[in-house]
């Protein structure tokens, strides 16, 4: 069918038009959590034709080829060589570096948008694509793709009547994640003492406080930007984390957005669990609990007589992947108790599978070196500049720190690990 599809795709692109049958969607409500209290607890997943997904992938590759290498460097989702570990590590490194300054503290606002993908206005998006110098033919095709989309909802055996929509980008389409990052690419910090870090729609405003005026102005700018771009802040789900290690206690004025007070919490989940004391106990406890639950299935498979190779495959995919999530970020800063709790899970899995498994220390070291090497190979990576070669050209400059909080964070630990590994020639940052 390649010839037929090629002709069909070329016709669609040349006329900047998408037939209704190719952009129609069946919406399947998918629960966001186990207990459903309201309609907002469902995620509307769009099922679209497979042929359309093939065309979307071609359009996506074309758009990404047109984007500059400096495009939205603090958006870590849906991009090559960008991971959740990078997003967490850079956010924490920025925070910890500022906390090295005497008398400083940090306020972190974790933003939640209401139905972010479903509120994109095509005309606003197209105007942003113009500023990004996306070709006119692609812009016209995208506008037609996002407008007058037939859509109906399917729940069990029940099917609703069809309606036409011209707002939002369907969740489940190949292009939707990319279009969202394009739509939010101009949501950036306007003051040097603040930063806006993003992973998809998980957005964090980091205020490096010496004077709170800049932080509060940044939050006001974000609220104004949302109004201008038809995005709604879910104030009830917005949370603020305060990192203040000064010896004398201070009273912090609550943050207000549109007259509503933002809740301050002792810990928050930003891709992983971050606590106000910057300890990793809460995070490792969640990971260990999830891993132990999956060990039950490993025992069931062994009792069923599953081959050892398949048991190992299940362990690596379902158990190890759980407790090693963002391992490179939290391992160096975790306590001996945290590491022992995770190692006990590995020891249990060894007894179940009947073979030796890599220790937590070995896994963390391997992943640290692999992640560091990937960053070094990518000069466009936002943290590439943190790896500074010494004049010898064989080792990287250590990160200066006055506290163990910073020295045990990812980048200082990665540099130490990289420098003490068996001989190699690290690539020059500008090669």
Foldseek 3Di string as FASTA:
>chain_A
DVVVLVVVLVVCLVVLADDQLQLAWEWEWQACDDDDDDSLRTDTATDGDPSSLVSLVVLVVLLVVLADLLQLQQAQAPDPLGDLLLLVQVVLLLQQVLVLDPPWWKKKKWWDWRPLQQAFQLVLLLVLVVVRVRDPSSSSSVQNSQFQHWYWYDDPPDIGDIDGDNGGDHHNHPCSQVSQCSLCRPLFQPDPQWTWHHHRRGIMIMGGDPPCPSVLVSVQVNLVVCVVRRIHIPQVPMEMEIADDHPDDDDDDFHDDPNHTHHYDQWDQDVFIAGSPRECPVRLVVLLVQLVVVVVVLLVCVVVVDDLVVSVVCCVVRRVCRNCRSVLFRVLRYDPVSQVSVQVSQVVSCVSSVHDDDGSVVVNLVVLQVSVLSLLVDLSNPCNVVFDADPVQFATDADDGDDVSNCSGNPNVSRVSSNPDPGDGRDHSVD
